[in-house]
Structure formats: C-alpha cells, structure tokens
Amino acid sequence: MKTAAARWLALPAVLYLAVLFLGPTSVVLAYSLLRRDIYGGVHPEFSTEAWRMATDSITLGILARTVLLSAGVTAANLLLAYPCAAALARMPRERRALWVLILTFPMMTSLLLRTYGWLNLLPLAWRGTLPGVGLVLTCNYLPFMVLPLLKAYERADRTLVLAALDLGATPWQAFWRVTFPITLPGAISGAALVFIPVSGEYLIPHFIGDGKVSVAGTLVMEWFDHRHWPYAAACAAWLAAVVLVPIGVSLVWKSRELAAK
C-alpha cells in the first residue's frame, strides 16, 4: 500500500521531467539531425553533417576538458566539504545554523554578480586560465557539497567512530572504515549536485576564462550565436549525455540502497 502511494506521489515529478527535460531534449536531438540553412536557419532535411563536426577531435577535446574540469571541481569540493561538514556537525545546533547561513549566504546573490566580484579578486595571471576557472567554480559550488554531507553527518551515529577508536583504530582508519561508508550517500548526492551544473556552466568559464577557456557551455553558446543550430544542438546533446551519467549512477545507487533495506 505504501509503495503504491509513493508511486502516485512521484507521478508529478515524473511528468515534470518528461515535459521539461525529455521534450526539449528531443527537440535538440531533432535539430542536430537537420541541415543548416545558409541564412542561419535549418532545412527540414535529414543530415549528419552536424554530428560529423561534433565528433571531430576539437569538439571531443573540449568535451573531455569539460568532464575533467567538472570532475576536478567535484573532487576538490569533496575534499574541502568533508572537514567542513564534520566541524559543523560537532557544533551546537544554534551555532551550526548560524554558520550554515554564513556558508550559503552568497547563494542568495546573483551568479553574475559573484562572478564579477571574482574578476576583482583574482590576480591577473589567473584570469583566462583553466585553474582560475576551476578555483571560482569550486568556491561557488562548495555549499552544494557541504549541505548533503552535513545532513549525512547529522544522521550518523557518532558512537560508532568512538567505538572504532576504542578498539584501536587510528583516526584515519575510523574515518575510512566507519565515517566514509555512513556518509557515502551524502557524498554521492553532493557530487551529483556539483558535477551536473558545473558541466553546463557558461558564465564563469566565459568571464573568468576571458574567452581563452573553451568548455561545453561556451561552445554551445558560441555556435548558437553563429547561428549554426544543428552543430550547437549536437554539442548540447553531448552535454546532456554527460549530465545523464551521474544521474544514472545516483539512481542505481539509490535503487541498490532501497533494495538492501
């Protein structure tokens, strides 16, 4: 009975995704298989020219750079978020709430304003470089990793770590064998929340990269501006495929977790 009720409750979310994700994605795929018009539009004629361009070495290199940048930002956020979430979890509730507010307060402002702020903070030598873009992305998306980890820490039984230490485990062994497995669902959720938006990020690579750092988001916008809609649509389809990978991993993990229960 509860399973049937849960399915009905999930129906609005499924319909939402079907209409606002699968629908536009289907339109993008359709455009990628059309022929470009010389005036910047498309001909209703089947063509694989856009996909030949989207599978060349330059495009695949930009996609590989996007994946590596997103994975690097996710890994950096994970390394920074674990000690931050652990410290927050040990604080009294009122003090913890204050620090969470301080941590998330920048998210209340526009991403464009925060990006312009970073233009004044970053040294000139860091602008137009991949490490500079990665640094700004890491700082901007850190709250998305900290909050799921903090929730996982709050739900964890702290006495398990103390028991491991009493039994002779080192702090590192206690973390790796006790804390990490318990907080792994929070880490996976945080990784998905960071990796997915970073993969399609446009503003930060555009402004911080100063036109010198090309990633999937800037590539799509550039070719839409050049009115090569089929090629831009093919690149957007590549980007959607990159985003679907962590979503699929998260779904598989959640299904195994539910099956184990």
Protein backbone atom coordinates (compact mmCIF):
# COMPACT_ATOMS: atom_id res chain seq x y z
CA MET A 1 0.00 0.00 0.00
CA LYS A 2 2.81 2.39 0.89
CA THR A 3 4.63 1.51 -2.34
CA ALA A 4 1.57 2.34 -4.43
CA ALA A 5 1.10 5.65 -2.59
CA ALA A 6 4.77 6.52 -3.11
CA ARG A 7 4.41 5.87 -6.84
CA TRP A 8 1.42 8.18 -7.09
CA LEU A 9 3.31 10.87 -5.16
CA ALA A 10 6.24 10.54 -7.57
CA LEU A 11 3.97 10.94 -10.61
CA PRO A 12 4.05 14.80 -10.67
CA ALA A 13 7.87 14.78 -10.60
CA VAL A 14 7.98 12.20 -13.40
CA LEU A 15 5.57 14.25 -15.53
CA TYR A 16 7.60 17.39 -14.79
CA LEU A 17 10.80 15.73 -16.01
CA ALA A 18 9.07 14.24 -19.04
CA VAL A 19 7.67 17.58 -20.16
CA LEU A 20 10.54 19.92 -19.26
CA PHE A 21 13.53 17.63 -19.87
CA LEU A 22 12.65 14.90 -22.35
CA GLY A 23 10.60 17.28 -24.51
CA PRO A 24 13.31 19.93 -25.04
CA THR A 25 15.99 17.24 -25.34
CA SER A 26 14.01 15.60 -28.14
CA VAL A 27 13.75 18.95 -29.94
CA VAL A 28 17.51 19.47 -29.60
CA LEU A 29 18.23 16.00 -30.99
CA ALA A 30 15.88 16.67 -33.89
CA TYR A 31 17.67 19.93 -34.73
CA SER A 32 21.04 18.16 -34.65
CA LEU A 33 19.88 15.90 -37.49
CA LEU A 34 18.80 18.70 -39.81
CA ARG A 35 20.78 20.56 -42.47
CA ARG A 36 21.93 24.10 -41.86
CA ASP A 37 20.44 26.86 -43.95
CA ILE A 38 22.83 29.39 -45.50
CA TYR A 39 20.83 32.17 -43.82
CA GLY A 40 21.36 30.74 -40.33
CA GLY A 41 18.23 28.63 -40.02
CA VAL A 42 17.67 24.94 -40.70
CA HIS A 43 16.25 22.98 -43.60
CA PRO A 44 13.72 20.21 -42.74
CA GLU A 45 16.08 17.74 -44.36
CA PHE A 46 17.90 14.86 -42.67
CA SER A 47 21.65 15.40 -42.39
CA THR A 48 24.50 14.02 -40.29
CA GLU A 49 26.84 16.92 -41.05
CA ALA A 50 26.43 18.39 -37.56
CA TRP A 51 27.35 15.09 -35.92
CA ARG A 52 30.41 14.74 -38.15
CA MET A 53 31.52 18.11 -36.80
CA ALA A 54 30.53 17.15 -33.23
CA THR A 55 32.70 14.02 -33.33
CA ASP A 56 35.88 15.64 -34.59
CA SER A 57 39.00 15.89 -32.45
CA ILE A 58 38.44 19.54 -31.50
CA THR A 59 34.91 19.04 -30.19
CA LEU A 60 35.78 15.82 -28.37
CA GLY A 61 38.79 17.56 -26.82
CA ILE A 62 36.55 20.35 -25.49
CA LEU A 63 34.13 17.76 -24.10
CA ALA A 64 37.00 15.90 -22.44
CA ARG A 65 38.21 19.19 -20.90
CA THR A 66 34.67 19.83 -19.62
CA VAL A 67 34.44 16.41 -17.99
CA LEU A 68 37.90 16.70 -16.43
CA LEU A 69 37.15 20.21 -15.14
CA SER A 70 33.81 19.09 -13.67
CA ALA A 71 35.39 16.01 -12.10
CA GLY A 72 38.25 18.10 -10.68
CA VAL A 73 35.88 20.68 -9.20
CA THR A 74 33.75 17.88 -7.71
CA ALA A 75 36.81 16.17 -6.19
CA ALA A 76 38.11 19.47 -4.77
CA ASN A 77 34.70 20.23 -3.26
CA LEU A 78 34.58 16.75 -1.76
CA LEU A 79 37.99 17.20 -0.10
CA LEU A 80 37.01 20.61 1.27
CA ALA A 81 33.48 19.68 2.29
CA TYR A 82 34.31 16.63 4.45
CA PRO A 83 36.25 18.51 7.19
CA CYS A 84 33.83 21.44 6.92
CA ALA A 85 30.77 19.20 7.37
CA ALA A 86 32.47 17.29 10.21
CA ALA A 87 33.25 20.55 12.04
CA LEU A 88 29.70 21.84 11.55
CA ALA A 89 28.19 18.57 12.78
CA ARG A 90 30.08 18.87 16.09
CA MET A 91 28.78 22.38 16.79
CA PRO A 92 25.74 23.15 18.95
CA ARG A 93 22.54 23.47 16.92
CA GLU A 94 22.22 27.29 17.17
CA ARG A 95 25.85 27.93 16.29
CA ARG A 96 25.67 25.41 13.44
CA ALA A 97 22.62 27.16 11.98
CA LEU A 98 24.50 30.46 12.01
CA TRP A 99 27.50 29.02 10.17
CA VAL A 100 25.27 27.29 7.62
CA LEU A 101 23.62 30.65 6.96
CA ILE A 102 27.03 32.29 6.51
CA LEU A 103 28.12 29.49 4.17
CA THR A 104 25.01 29.67 2.00
CA PHE A 105 24.52 33.45 2.08
CA PRO A 106 26.48 34.07 -1.17
CA MET A 107 23.99 31.80 -2.97
CA MET A 108 21.30 34.42 -2.31
CA THR A 109 23.02 36.81 -4.72
CA SER A 110 23.16 36.57 -8.48
CA LEU A 111 25.80 34.29 -10.00
CA LEU A 112 26.66 37.08 -12.41
CA LEU A 113 27.38 39.48 -9.53
CA ARG A 114 29.53 36.88 -7.78
CA THR A 115 31.44 36.26 -10.98
CA TYR A 116 32.13 39.98 -11.43
CA GLY A 117 33.31 40.04 -7.82
CA TRP A 118 35.81 37.28 -8.59
CA LEU A 119 37.12 39.33 -11.52
CA ASN A 120 38.31 41.88 -8.96
CA LEU A 121 39.67 39.27 -6.53
CA LEU A 122 41.61 37.04 -8.91
CA PRO A 123 45.17 38.02 -9.84
CA LEU A 124 45.56 38.95 -13.49
CA ALA A 125 47.80 35.92 -14.03
CA TRP A 126 44.92 33.59 -13.06
CA ARG A 127 42.42 35.06 -15.50
CA GLY A 128 41.98 33.24 -18.75
CA THR A 129 43.39 30.01 -17.27
CA LEU A 130 41.77 26.67 -16.52
CA PRO A 131 42.97 26.66 -12.86
CA GLY A 132 41.42 30.11 -12.36
CA VAL A 133 38.09 28.90 -13.73
CA GLY A 134 38.32 25.78 -11.57
CA LEU A 135 39.03 27.82 -8.43
CA VAL A 136 36.00 30.06 -8.92
CA LEU A 137 33.76 27.09 -9.75
CA THR A 138 34.95 25.27 -6.62
CA CYS A 139 34.21 28.22 -4.36
CA ASN A 140 30.81 28.86 -5.94
CA TYR A 141 29.57 25.28 -5.69
CA LEU A 142 31.06 24.32 -2.31
CA PRO A 143 27.73 24.76 -0.43
CA PHE A 144 26.10 22.18 -2.72
CA MET A 145 28.58 19.61 -1.42
CA VAL A 146 28.68 20.69 2.23
CA LEU A 147 24.93 20.60 2.89
CA PRO A 148 24.26 16.96 1.83
CA LEU A 149 27.37 15.83 3.73
CA LEU A 150 26.27 17.76 6.81
CA LYS A 151 22.88 16.05 6.71
CA ALA A 152 24.63 12.67 6.41
CA TYR A 153 26.85 13.52 9.39
CA GLU A 154 23.81 14.56 11.44
CA ARG A 155 22.11 11.24 10.76
CA ALA A 156 25.22 9.18 11.55
CA ASP A 157 25.73 7.52 14.92
CA ARG A 158 28.80 9.19 16.43
CA THR A 159 29.31 6.39 18.91
CA LEU A 160 30.40 4.09 16.08
CA VAL A 161 33.50 6.20 15.48
CA LEU A 162 34.26 6.29 19.21
CA ALA A 163 33.88 2.51 19.36
CA ALA A 164 36.32 2.11 16.46
CA LEU A 165 38.85 4.35 18.21
CA ASP A 166 38.42 2.38 21.46
CA LEU A 167 39.12 -0.82 19.56
CA GLY A 168 42.49 0.52 18.40
CA ALA A 169 41.70 2.10 15.05
CA THR A 170 43.62 5.22 14.06
CA PRO A 171 41.59 8.38 13.23
CA TRP A 172 42.21 7.75 9.54
CA GLN A 173 41.08 4.11 9.80
CA ALA A 174 37.99 5.18 11.75
CA PHE A 175 37.12 7.70 9.06
CA TRP A 176 37.75 5.38 6.13
CA ARG A 177 36.04 2.28 7.57
CA VAL A 178 33.23 3.88 9.58
CA THR A 179 32.55 7.53 8.74
CA PHE A 180 33.06 7.32 4.99
CA PRO A 181 30.66 4.39 4.35
CA ILE A 182 28.00 6.03 6.54
CA THR A 183 28.26 9.41 4.81
CA LEU A 184 28.74 7.99 1.29
CA PRO A 185 25.10 8.63 0.22
CA GLY A 186 25.51 12.31 1.14
CA ALA A 187 28.79 12.45 -0.78
CA ILE A 188 27.16 10.94 -3.87
CA SER A 189 24.25 13.39 -3.69
CA GLY A 190 26.65 16.31 -3.27
CA ALA A 191 28.82 15.09 -6.15
CA ALA A 192 25.78 14.97 -8.44
CA LEU A 193 24.68 18.45 -7.32
CA VAL A 194 28.13 19.81 -8.17
CA PHE A 195 29.10 17.81 -11.27
CA ILE A 196 25.84 18.35 -13.19
CA PRO A 197 25.65 22.19 -13.08
CA VAL A 198 29.42 22.61 -13.47
CA SER A 199 29.31 20.51 -16.67
CA GLY A 200 26.95 23.01 -18.27
CA GLU A 201 28.39 26.16 -16.69
CA TYR A 202 28.69 29.12 -19.04
CA LEU A 203 29.03 32.38 -17.08
CA ILE A 204 32.13 31.53 -15.05
CA PRO A 205 34.16 30.00 -17.93
CA HIS A 206 33.09 32.90 -20.15
CA PHE A 207 34.04 35.75 -17.82
CA ILE A 208 36.85 34.20 -15.75
CA GLY A 209 38.19 32.30 -18.77
CA ASP A 210 38.28 35.59 -20.70
CA GLY A 211 37.49 33.79 -23.95
CA LYS A 212 40.56 31.56 -23.60
CA VAL A 213 38.96 28.58 -21.81
CA SER A 214 36.55 26.70 -24.04
CA VAL A 215 34.20 24.23 -22.39
CA ALA A 216 30.92 22.64 -23.48
CA GLY A 217 28.75 25.50 -22.22
CA THR A 218 30.73 28.19 -24.03
CA LEU A 219 30.94 26.02 -27.16
CA VAL A 220 27.16 25.64 -27.35
CA MET A 221 26.56 29.37 -26.84
CA GLU A 222 29.24 30.30 -29.37
CA TRP A 223 27.73 28.24 -32.17
CA PHE A 224 24.19 29.29 -31.38
CA ASP A 225 25.44 32.88 -31.70
CA HIS A 226 26.99 31.91 -35.06
CA ARG A 227 23.57 30.53 -36.00
CA HIS A 228 24.85 27.04 -36.72
CA TRP A 229 21.92 25.46 -34.93
CA PRO A 230 22.47 21.80 -35.92
CA TYR A 231 26.08 21.77 -34.67
CA ALA A 232 25.17 23.66 -31.49
CA ALA A 233 22.31 21.22 -30.93
CA ALA A 234 24.67 18.26 -31.37
CA CYS A 235 27.07 19.76 -28.81
CA ALA A 236 24.14 20.32 -26.45
CA ALA A 237 23.17 16.67 -26.91
CA TRP A 238 26.72 15.67 -25.93
CA LEU A 239 26.38 17.84 -22.86
CA ALA A 240 23.04 16.19 -21.94
CA ALA A 241 24.70 12.79 -22.26
CA VAL A 242 27.50 13.89 -19.90
CA VAL A 243 24.91 15.09 -17.38
CA LEU A 244 22.92 11.85 -17.58
CA VAL A 245 25.90 9.75 -16.43
CA PRO A 246 25.97 10.98 -12.78
CA ILE A 247 22.16 10.92 -12.70
CA GLY A 248 22.21 7.28 -13.75
CA VAL A 249 24.89 6.46 -11.17
CA SER A 250 22.84 8.13 -8.44
CA LEU A 251 19.69 6.26 -9.46
CA VAL A 252 21.49 2.92 -9.47
CA TRP A 253 22.98 3.66 -6.06
CA LYS A 254 19.61 4.66 -4.61
CA SER A 255 17.89 1.59 -6.04
CA ARG A 256 20.52 -0.71 -4.52
CA GLU A 257 20.24 1.12 -1.21
CA LEU A 258 16.45 0.69 -1.18
CA ALA A 259 16.75 -2.95 -2.20
CA ALA A 260 19.18 -3.58 0.67
CA LYS A 261 16.66 -2.16 3.12
